[in-house]
């Protein structure tokens, strides 16, 4: 009888280990090449929508698919059928692409889908402790929400700023135009003003505004506004409190 019990326990442990190994293997980290990584980082950043990037036949993924769901880290996964519920525990069969003919679904970890960080905290900041957040931020139009600190994606005093559809490290000069160096001019853009390097008329990458010629931001100044934050959120300067993650719904309304 003892032998049978030991064998049953051994079999159960083996099944648990195999199940754990299968899940680890399915959601193993995978990488994109530089070209795809750049395309993903620039895709609709202002609204954070449609932010799914994938490789259909990835060499390191057992089930071929490498998927970065809405800005989350790329993970190996497999296609699934929503009605069959055949994804491992802790994941859901989720729509990730449409190729013009059919919807494509894959197993996506719950933690990559839900921004647990941004829960409403009302007048009780202690709620934020339960989700590992640092602060209860009053976010206009969204109310009080938990958030966490993040690092400025640029070297201070520059900030990661949307410019003509992409994001670049730029220095604001709205409050004090004298912060610009001698070869820069303080030029208004949107509701702010930034230091732009002057250039000669007709030079490559040179634009004009109000009879001033300045260099357009280029790849050398590109930045990732999502750095250090969960999917579908931005790292943004918040008043004088430093940098915090804010939901895309709020950040998008600012552009």
C-alpha atoms as a PDB file:
ATOM      1  CA  UNK A   1       0.000   0.000   0.000  1.00  0.00           C
ATOM      2  CA  UNK A   2       2.852   2.349   0.851  1.00  0.00           C
ATOM      3  CA  UNK A   3       4.488   1.567  -2.474  1.00  0.00           C
ATOM      4  CA  UNK A   4       1.282   2.433  -4.355  1.00  0.00           C
ATOM      5  CA  UNK A   5       0.972   5.735  -2.433  1.00  0.00           C
ATOM      6  CA  UNK A   6       4.582   6.635  -3.187  1.00  0.00           C
ATOM      7  CA  UNK A   7       4.086   5.838  -6.872  1.00  0.00           C
ATOM      8  CA  UNK A   8       0.904   7.935  -7.025  1.00  0.00           C
ATOM      9  CA  UNK A   9       2.621  10.853  -5.282  1.00  0.00           C
ATOM     10  CA  UNK A  10       5.602  10.533  -7.600  1.00  0.00           C
ATOM     11  CA  UNK A  11       3.319  10.521 -10.658  1.00  0.00           C
ATOM     12  CA  UNK A  12       1.452  13.601  -9.396  1.00  0.00           C
ATOM     13  CA  UNK A  13       4.692  15.509  -8.799  1.00  0.00           C
ATOM     14  CA  UNK A  14       5.896  14.538 -12.267  1.00  0.00           C
ATOM     15  CA  UNK A  15       2.694  15.860 -13.833  1.00  0.00           C
ATOM     16  CA  UNK A  16       2.998  19.125 -11.898  1.00  0.00           C
ATOM     17  CA  UNK A  17       6.626  19.561 -12.953  1.00  0.00           C
ATOM     18  CA  UNK A  18       5.769  18.804 -16.585  1.00  0.00           C
ATOM     19  CA  UNK A  19       2.858  21.257 -16.479  1.00  0.00           C
ATOM     20  CA  UNK A  20       5.137  23.928 -15.032  1.00  0.00           C
ATOM     21  CA  UNK A  21       7.809  23.212 -17.635  1.00  0.00           C
ATOM     22  CA  UNK A  22       5.228  23.408 -20.426  1.00  0.00           C
ATOM     23  CA  UNK A  23       4.029  26.821 -19.238  1.00  0.00           C
ATOM     24  CA  UNK A  24       7.596  28.123 -18.796  1.00  0.00           C
ATOM     25  CA  UNK A  25       8.472  26.907 -22.280  1.00  0.00           C
ATOM     26  CA  UNK A  26       5.361  28.397 -23.869  1.00  0.00           C
ATOM     27  CA  UNK A  27       5.841  31.842 -22.327  1.00  0.00           C
ATOM     28  CA  UNK A  28       9.631  31.891 -22.556  1.00  0.00           C
ATOM     29  CA  UNK A  29      11.201  35.249 -23.403  1.00  0.00           C
ATOM     30  CA  UNK A  30      11.971  35.773 -27.086  1.00  0.00           C
ATOM     31  CA  UNK A  31      13.580  38.628 -29.005  1.00  0.00           C
ATOM     32  CA  UNK A  32      12.820  40.745 -32.070  1.00  0.00           C
ATOM     33  CA  UNK A  33      15.435  41.961 -34.510  1.00  0.00           C
ATOM     34  CA  UNK A  34      16.337  45.662 -34.405  1.00  0.00           C
ATOM     35  CA  UNK A  35      14.155  46.575 -37.372  1.00  0.00           C
ATOM     36  CA  UNK A  36      10.994  45.048 -35.897  1.00  0.00           C
ATOM     37  CA  UNK A  37      11.826  46.383 -32.440  1.00  0.00           C
ATOM     38  CA  UNK A  38      12.045  49.905 -33.859  1.00  0.00           C
ATOM     39  CA  UNK A  39       8.774  49.485 -35.768  1.00  0.00           C
ATOM     40  CA  UNK A  40       7.014  48.263 -32.630  1.00  0.00           C
ATOM     41  CA  UNK A  41       8.311  51.094 -30.481  1.00  0.00           C
ATOM     42  CA  UNK A  42       6.982  53.714 -32.906  1.00  0.00           C
ATOM     43  CA  UNK A  43       3.598  52.099 -33.585  1.00  0.00           C
ATOM     44  CA  UNK A  44       0.738  54.393 -32.546  1.00  0.00           C
ATOM     45  CA  UNK A  45       2.497  55.485 -29.368  1.00  0.00           C
ATOM     46  CA  UNK A  46       0.186  58.436 -28.778  1.00  0.00           C
ATOM     47  CA  UNK A  47      -2.857  56.232 -28.120  1.00  0.00           C
ATOM     48  CA  UNK A  48      -1.155  52.931 -27.224  1.00  0.00           C
ATOM     49  CA  UNK A  49      -3.738  51.120 -29.314  1.00  0.00           C
ATOM     50  CA  UNK A  50      -3.000  48.362 -31.811  1.00  0.00           C
ATOM     51  CA  UNK A  51       0.289  47.813 -30.006  1.00  0.00           C
ATOM     52  CA  UNK A  52       0.698  44.102 -30.779  1.00  0.00           C
ATOM     53  CA  UNK A  53       3.877  43.008 -32.541  1.00  0.00           C
ATOM     54  CA  UNK A  54       4.622  39.395 -33.415  1.00  0.00           C
ATOM     55  CA  UNK A  55       6.835  37.036 -35.384  1.00  0.00           C
ATOM     56  CA  UNK A  56       4.847  34.112 -36.819  1.00  0.00           C
ATOM     57  CA  UNK A  57       7.796  31.715 -37.125  1.00  0.00           C
ATOM     58  CA  UNK A  58      10.329  32.502 -34.408  1.00  0.00           C
ATOM     59  CA  UNK A  59      13.373  30.187 -34.205  1.00  0.00           C
ATOM     60  CA  UNK A  60      13.456  29.959 -30.384  1.00  0.00           C
ATOM     61  CA  UNK A  61       9.731  29.379 -29.773  1.00  0.00           C
ATOM     62  CA  UNK A  62       8.416  25.810 -29.627  1.00  0.00           C
ATOM     63  CA  UNK A  63       5.015  26.857 -30.984  1.00  0.00           C
ATOM     64  CA  UNK A  64       6.608  29.342 -33.397  1.00  0.00           C
ATOM     65  CA  UNK A  65       4.882  32.592 -32.297  1.00  0.00           C
ATOM     66  CA  UNK A  66       6.774  35.375 -30.506  1.00  0.00           C
ATOM     67  CA  UNK A  67       4.290  38.033 -29.359  1.00  0.00           C
ATOM     68  CA  UNK A  68       4.636  41.404 -27.609  1.00  0.00           C
ATOM     69  CA  UNK A  69       1.090  42.105 -26.492  1.00  0.00           C
ATOM     70  CA  UNK A  70       0.279  45.824 -26.223  1.00  0.00           C
ATOM     71  CA  UNK A  71       3.821  46.815 -25.358  1.00  0.00           C
ATOM     72  CA  UNK A  72       4.554  43.948 -22.955  1.00  0.00           C
ATOM     73  CA  UNK A  73       7.866  42.084 -23.175  1.00  0.00           C
ATOM     74  CA  UNK A  74       7.982  39.615 -26.119  1.00  0.00           C
ATOM     75  CA  UNK A  75       7.046  36.054 -25.097  1.00  0.00           C
ATOM     76  CA  UNK A  76       6.695  32.776 -26.931  1.00  0.00           C
ATOM     77  CA  UNK A  77       3.089  31.601 -27.231  1.00  0.00           C
ATOM     78  CA  UNK A  78       0.748  29.512 -29.379  1.00  0.00           C
ATOM     79  CA  UNK A  79      -2.423  30.123 -31.346  1.00  0.00           C
ATOM     80  CA  UNK A  80      -5.677  29.104 -29.693  1.00  0.00           C
ATOM     81  CA  UNK A  81      -9.446  28.975 -30.181  1.00  0.00           C
ATOM     82  CA  UNK A  82     -11.428  31.088 -27.674  1.00  0.00           C
ATOM     83  CA  UNK A  83     -14.240  28.540 -27.423  1.00  0.00           C
ATOM     84  CA  UNK A  84     -11.847  25.712 -26.515  1.00  0.00           C
ATOM     85  CA  UNK A  85     -10.208  27.433 -23.539  1.00  0.00           C
ATOM     86  CA  UNK A  86      -6.990  25.503 -24.187  1.00  0.00           C
ATOM     87  CA  UNK A  87      -4.530  28.011 -22.704  1.00  0.00           C
ATOM     88  CA  UNK A  88      -2.475  27.308 -19.553  1.00  0.00           C
ATOM     89  CA  UNK A  89      -3.638  28.589 -16.181  1.00  0.00           C
ATOM     90  CA  UNK A  90      -2.881  32.280 -15.737  1.00  0.00           C
ATOM     91  CA  UNK A  91      -3.410  33.089 -19.418  1.00  0.00           C
ATOM     92  CA  UNK A  92      -6.302  33.793 -21.762  1.00  0.00           C
ATOM     93  CA  UNK A  93      -7.025  33.116 -25.433  1.00  0.00           C
ATOM     94  CA  UNK A  94      -6.841  36.683 -26.735  1.00  0.00           C
ATOM     95  CA  UNK A  95      -7.228  38.405 -30.112  1.00  0.00           C
ATOM     96  CA  UNK A  96      -3.833  39.710 -31.207  1.00  0.00           C
ATOM     97  CA  UNK A  97      -4.028  40.245 -34.982  1.00  0.00           C
ATOM     98  CA  UNK A  98      -6.266  40.347 -38.038  1.00  0.00           C
ATOM     99  CA  UNK A  99      -4.706  39.489 -41.388  1.00  0.00           C
ATOM    100  CA  UNK A 100      -7.595  40.714 -43.534  1.00  0.00           C
ATOM    101  CA  UNK A 101      -9.181  37.268 -43.700  1.00  0.00           C
ATOM    102  CA  UNK A 102      -9.478  36.016 -40.143  1.00  0.00           C
ATOM    103  CA  UNK A 103      -8.939  36.998 -36.546  1.00  0.00           C
ATOM    104  CA  UNK A 104      -5.899  35.463 -34.875  1.00  0.00           C
ATOM    105  CA  UNK A 105      -5.927  34.468 -31.224  1.00  0.00           C
ATOM    106  CA  UNK A 106      -3.045  33.434 -28.968  1.00  0.00           C
ATOM    107  CA  UNK A 107      -2.528  32.562 -25.318  1.00  0.00           C
ATOM    108  CA  UNK A 108      -1.574  35.777 -23.479  1.00  0.00           C
ATOM    109  CA  UNK A 109      -0.582  35.902 -19.820  1.00  0.00           C
ATOM    110  CA  UNK A 110      -3.105  37.751 -17.674  1.00  0.00           C
ATOM    111  CA  UNK A 111      -0.353  39.952 -16.226  1.00  0.00           C
ATOM    112  CA  UNK A 112       0.383  41.241 -19.747  1.00  0.00           C
ATOM    113  CA  UNK A 113      -3.269  42.141 -20.324  1.00  0.00           C
ATOM    114  CA  UNK A 114      -4.286  43.812 -17.105  1.00  0.00           C
ATOM    115  CA  UNK A 115      -2.693  46.980 -15.867  1.00  0.00           C
ATOM    116  CA  UNK A 116      -3.186  46.069 -12.232  1.00  0.00           C
ATOM    117  CA  UNK A 117      -1.108  49.095 -11.278  1.00  0.00           C
ATOM    118  CA  UNK A 118      -3.777  51.613 -12.299  1.00  0.00           C
ATOM    119  CA  UNK A 119      -6.572  50.895  -9.845  1.00  0.00           C
ATOM    120  CA  UNK A 120      -8.739  53.648  -8.435  1.00  0.00           C
ATOM    121  CA  UNK A 121      -7.557  54.786  -5.005  1.00  0.00           C
ATOM    122  CA  UNK A 122     -10.187  57.438  -4.239  1.00  0.00           C
ATOM    123  CA  UNK A 123      -9.387  58.993  -0.874  1.00  0.00           C
ATOM    124  CA  UNK A 124      -7.579  55.902   0.447  1.00  0.00           C
ATOM    125  CA  UNK A 125      -3.925  55.807  -0.753  1.00  0.00           C
ATOM    126  CA  UNK A 126      -3.324  52.606   1.230  1.00  0.00           C
ATOM    127  CA  UNK A 127      -5.095  50.698  -1.568  1.00  0.00           C
ATOM    128  CA  UNK A 128      -2.001  51.290  -3.704  1.00  0.00           C
ATOM    129  CA  UNK A 129       0.131  49.168  -1.385  1.00  0.00           C
ATOM    130  CA  UNK A 130      -1.856  46.096  -2.442  1.00  0.00           C
ATOM    131  CA  UNK A 131      -0.769  46.466  -6.082  1.00  0.00           C
ATOM    132  CA  UNK A 132       2.829  47.460  -5.373  1.00  0.00           C
ATOM    133  CA  UNK A 133       2.269  51.088  -6.350  1.00  0.00           C
ATOM    134  CA  UNK A 134       4.149  54.084  -4.954  1.00  0.00           C
ATOM    135  CA  UNK A 135       1.532  56.816  -4.924  1.00  0.00           C
ATOM    136  CA  UNK A 136      -2.121  57.747  -5.419  1.00  0.00           C
ATOM    137  CA  UNK A 137      -2.087  60.303  -8.267  1.00  0.00           C
ATOM    138  CA  UNK A 138      -4.959  62.682  -9.059  1.00  0.00           C
ATOM    139  CA  UNK A 139      -5.244  62.158 -12.842  1.00  0.00           C
ATOM    140  CA  UNK A 140      -7.542  64.626 -14.635  1.00  0.00           C
ATOM    141  CA  UNK A 141     -10.585  62.999 -16.288  1.00  0.00           C
ATOM    142  CA  UNK A 142      -9.672  59.610 -14.762  1.00  0.00           C
ATOM    143  CA  UNK A 143      -9.757  60.395 -11.034  1.00  0.00           C
ATOM    144  CA  UNK A 144      -7.337  59.233  -8.339  1.00  0.00           C
ATOM    145  CA  UNK A 145      -5.321  56.225  -9.544  1.00  0.00           C
ATOM    146  CA  UNK A 146      -2.398  54.258  -8.153  1.00  0.00           C
ATOM    147  CA  UNK A 147       0.896  54.707  -9.966  1.00  0.00           C
ATOM    148  CA  UNK A 148       4.598  53.968  -9.676  1.00  0.00           C
ATOM    149  CA  UNK A 149       7.734  55.988 -10.198  1.00  0.00           C
ATOM    150  CA  UNK A 150       9.718  55.583 -13.417  1.00  0.00           C
ATOM    151  CA  UNK A 151      12.967  57.040 -14.715  1.00  0.00           C
ATOM    152  CA  UNK A 152      13.119  59.849 -17.239  1.00  0.00           C
ATOM    153  CA  UNK A 153      13.779  58.048 -20.577  1.00  0.00           C
ATOM    154  CA  UNK A 154      16.093  60.945 -21.505  1.00  0.00           C
ATOM    155  CA  UNK A 155      19.088  62.620 -19.892  1.00  0.00           C
ATOM    156  CA  UNK A 156      17.906  65.568 -17.801  1.00  0.00           C
ATOM    157  CA  UNK A 157      16.912  68.288 -18.596  1.00  0.00           C
ATOM    158  CA  UNK A 158      15.476  66.681 -21.759  1.00  0.00           C
ATOM    159  CA  UNK A 159      12.110  64.925 -21.629  1.00  0.00           C
ATOM    160  CA  UNK A 160      10.611  62.297 -23.936  1.00  0.00           C
ATOM    161  CA  UNK A 161       8.236  64.363 -26.057  1.00  0.00           C
ATOM    162  CA  UNK A 162       5.878  63.577 -28.927  1.00  0.00           C
ATOM    163  CA  UNK A 163       6.968  65.386 -32.079  1.00  0.00           C
ATOM    164  CA  UNK A 164       5.155  64.886 -35.381  1.00  0.00           C
ATOM    165  CA  UNK A 165       4.064  61.320 -34.602  1.00  0.00           C
ATOM    166  CA  UNK A 166       7.186  59.964 -32.890  1.00  0.00           C
ATOM    167  CA  UNK A 167       8.972  60.575 -29.585  1.00  0.00           C
ATOM    168  CA  UNK A 168      12.269  62.390 -29.026  1.00  0.00           C
ATOM    169  CA  UNK A 169      14.390  63.710 -26.183  1.00  0.00           C
ATOM    170  CA  UNK A 170      13.823  67.468 -26.191  1.00  0.00           C
ATOM    171  CA  UNK A 171      14.424  70.304 -23.738  1.00  0.00           C
ATOM    172  CA  UNK A 172      11.487  72.530 -22.837  1.00  0.00           C
ATOM    173  CA  UNK A 173      12.200  76.261 -22.860  1.00  0.00           C
ATOM    174  CA  UNK A 174       8.668  77.563 -22.343  1.00  0.00           C
ATOM    175  CA  UNK A 175       9.341  78.750 -18.797  1.00  0.00           C
ATOM    176  CA  UNK A 176      12.850  80.040 -19.521  1.00  0.00           C
ATOM    177  CA  UNK A 177      14.037  80.519 -23.147  1.00  0.00           C
ATOM    178  CA  UNK A 178      17.567  81.265 -21.909  1.00  0.00           C
ATOM    179  CA  UNK A 179      18.137  77.544 -21.173  1.00  0.00           C
ATOM    180  CA  UNK A 180      18.839  77.038 -24.876  1.00  0.00           C
ATOM    181  CA  UNK A 181      22.498  77.027 -25.903  1.00  0.00           C
ATOM    182  CA  UNK A 182      23.910  79.712 -28.275  1.00  0.00           C
ATOM    183  CA  UNK A 183      23.359  77.519 -31.357  1.00  0.00           C
ATOM    184  CA  UNK A 184      19.723  76.785 -30.391  1.00  0.00           C
ATOM    185  CA  UNK A 185      16.481  78.712 -30.572  1.00  0.00           C
ATOM    186  CA  UNK A 186      13.379  78.383 -28.402  1.00  0.00           C
ATOM    187  CA  UNK A 187      10.572  77.454 -30.817  1.00  0.00           C
ATOM    188  CA  UNK A 188       6.919  76.906 -29.915  1.00  0.00           C
ATOM    189  CA  UNK A 189       5.499  73.472 -30.652  1.00  0.00           C
ATOM    190  CA  UNK A 190       1.936  72.650 -29.611  1.00  0.00           C
ATOM    191  CA  UNK A 191       1.329  73.901 -26.075  1.00  0.00           C
ATOM    192  CA  UNK A 192       5.027  73.917 -25.212  1.00  0.00           C
ATOM    193  CA  UNK A 193       8.293  75.307 -26.570  1.00  0.00           C
ATOM    194  CA  UNK A 194      11.580  73.475 -27.111  1.00  0.00           C
ATOM    195  CA  UNK A 195      15.224  74.164 -27.850  1.00  0.00           C
ATOM    196  CA  UNK A 196      15.972  73.402 -31.509  1.00  0.00           C
ATOM    197  CA  UNK A 197      19.444  73.520 -33.061  1.00  0.00           C
ATOM    198  CA  UNK A 198      19.697  76.120 -35.818  1.00  0.00           C
ATOM    199  CA  UNK A 199      20.753  75.119 -39.340  1.00  0.00           C
ATOM    200  CA  UNK A 200      21.338  76.643 -42.769  1.00  0.00           C
ATOM    201  CA  UNK A 201      18.446  77.074 -45.174  1.00  0.00           C
ATOM    202  CA  UNK A 202      18.275  74.157 -47.633  1.00  0.00           C
ATOM    203  CA  UNK A 203      20.346  71.765 -45.489  1.00  0.00           C
ATOM    204  CA  UNK A 204      19.112  68.180 -45.080  1.00  0.00           C
ATOM    205  CA  UNK A 205      16.712  67.794 -42.186  1.00  0.00           C
ATOM    206  CA  UNK A 206      16.331  71.555 -41.850  1.00  0.00           C
ATOM    207  CA  UNK A 207      12.864  73.070 -41.353  1.00  0.00           C
ATOM    208  CA  UNK A 208      11.570  76.647 -41.122  1.00  0.00           C
ATOM    209  CA  UNK A 209       9.210  78.357 -38.725  1.00  0.00           C
ATOM    210  CA  UNK A 210       8.738  82.116 -38.295  1.00  0.00           C
ATOM    211  CA  UNK A 211      11.849  82.809 -40.408  1.00  0.00           C
ATOM    212  CA  UNK A 212      13.948  80.527 -38.171  1.00  0.00           C
ATOM    213  CA  UNK A 213      15.690  77.467 -39.590  1.00  0.00           C
ATOM    214  CA  UNK A 214      16.115  74.498 -37.238  1.00  0.00           C
ATOM    215  CA  UNK A 215      17.085  70.834 -37.321  1.00  0.00           C
ATOM    216  CA  UNK A 216      14.232  68.331 -37.137  1.00  0.00           C
ATOM    217  CA  UNK A 217      14.532  65.646 -34.439  1.00  0.00           C
ATOM    218  CA  UNK A 218      16.086  62.467 -35.870  1.00  0.00           C
ATOM    219  CA  UNK A 219      16.805  58.874 -34.898  1.00  0.00           C
ATOM    220  CA  UNK A 220      19.666  59.980 -32.632  1.00  0.00           C
ATOM    221  CA  UNK A 221      17.207  61.677 -30.270  1.00  0.00           C
ATOM    222  CA  UNK A 222      14.475  58.992 -30.365  1.00  0.00           C
ATOM    223  CA  UNK A 223      13.197  57.735 -27.005  1.00  0.00           C
ATOM    224  CA  UNK A 224      10.747  55.183 -25.640  1.00  0.00           C
ATOM    225  CA  UNK A 225       7.993  56.874 -23.592  1.00  0.00           C
ATOM    226  CA  UNK A 226       6.831  53.508 -22.190  1.00  0.00           C
ATOM    227  CA  UNK A 227      10.185  52.682 -20.572  1.00  0.00           C
ATOM    228  CA  UNK A 228       9.831  51.308 -17.049  1.00  0.00           C
ATOM    229  CA  UNK A 229       6.013  51.220 -17.132  1.00  0.00           C
ATOM    230  CA  UNK A 230       3.424  48.472 -17.680  1.00  0.00           C
ATOM    231  CA  UNK A 231       1.871  47.982 -21.118  1.00  0.00           C
ATOM    232  CA  UNK A 232      -0.466  50.764 -22.286  1.00  0.00           C
ATOM    233  CA  UNK A 233       1.083  53.425 -20.088  1.00  0.00           C
ATOM    234  CA  UNK A 234       3.604  56.244 -20.365  1.00  0.00           C
ATOM    235  CA  UNK A 235       6.458  57.446 -18.183  1.00  0.00           C
ATOM    236  CA  UNK A 236       5.633  61.110 -17.751  1.00  0.00           C
ATOM    237  CA  UNK A 237       6.862  64.088 -15.728  1.00  0.00           C
ATOM    238  CA  UNK A 238       4.236  64.770 -13.084  1.00  0.00           C
ATOM    239  CA  UNK A 239       4.187  68.312 -11.722  1.00  0.00           C
ATOM    240  CA  UNK A 240       7.244  68.617  -9.472  1.00  0.00           C
ATOM    241  CA  UNK A 241       6.897  65.140  -7.996  1.00  0.00           C
ATOM    242  CA  UNK A 242       9.144  63.432 -10.549  1.00  0.00           C
ATOM    243  CA  UNK A 243       8.303  60.843 -13.219  1.00  0.00           C
ATOM    244  CA  UNK A 244       5.341  58.482 -12.886  1.00  0.00           C
ATOM    245  CA  UNK A 245       3.553  55.947 -15.071  1.00  0.00           C
ATOM    246  CA  UNK A 246       0.223  57.258 -16.362  1.00  0.00           C
ATOM    247  CA  UNK A 247      -2.396  55.368 -18.431  1.00  0.00           C
ATOM    248  CA  UNK A 248      -2.377  55.965 -22.166  1.00  0.00           C
ATOM    249  CA  UNK A 249      -5.965  57.222 -22.000  1.00  0.00           C
ATOM    250  CA  UNK A 250      -4.715  60.270 -20.120  1.00  0.00           C
ATOM    251  CA  UNK A 251      -1.387  60.725 -21.931  1.00  0.00           C
ATOM    252  CA  UNK A 252      -3.044  60.523 -25.354  1.00  0.00           C
ATOM    253  CA  UNK A 253      -5.428  63.348 -24.426  1.00  0.00           C
ATOM    254  CA  UNK A 254      -2.443  65.623 -23.884  1.00  0.00           C
ATOM    255  CA  UNK A 255      -1.231  65.447 -27.501  1.00  0.00           C
END
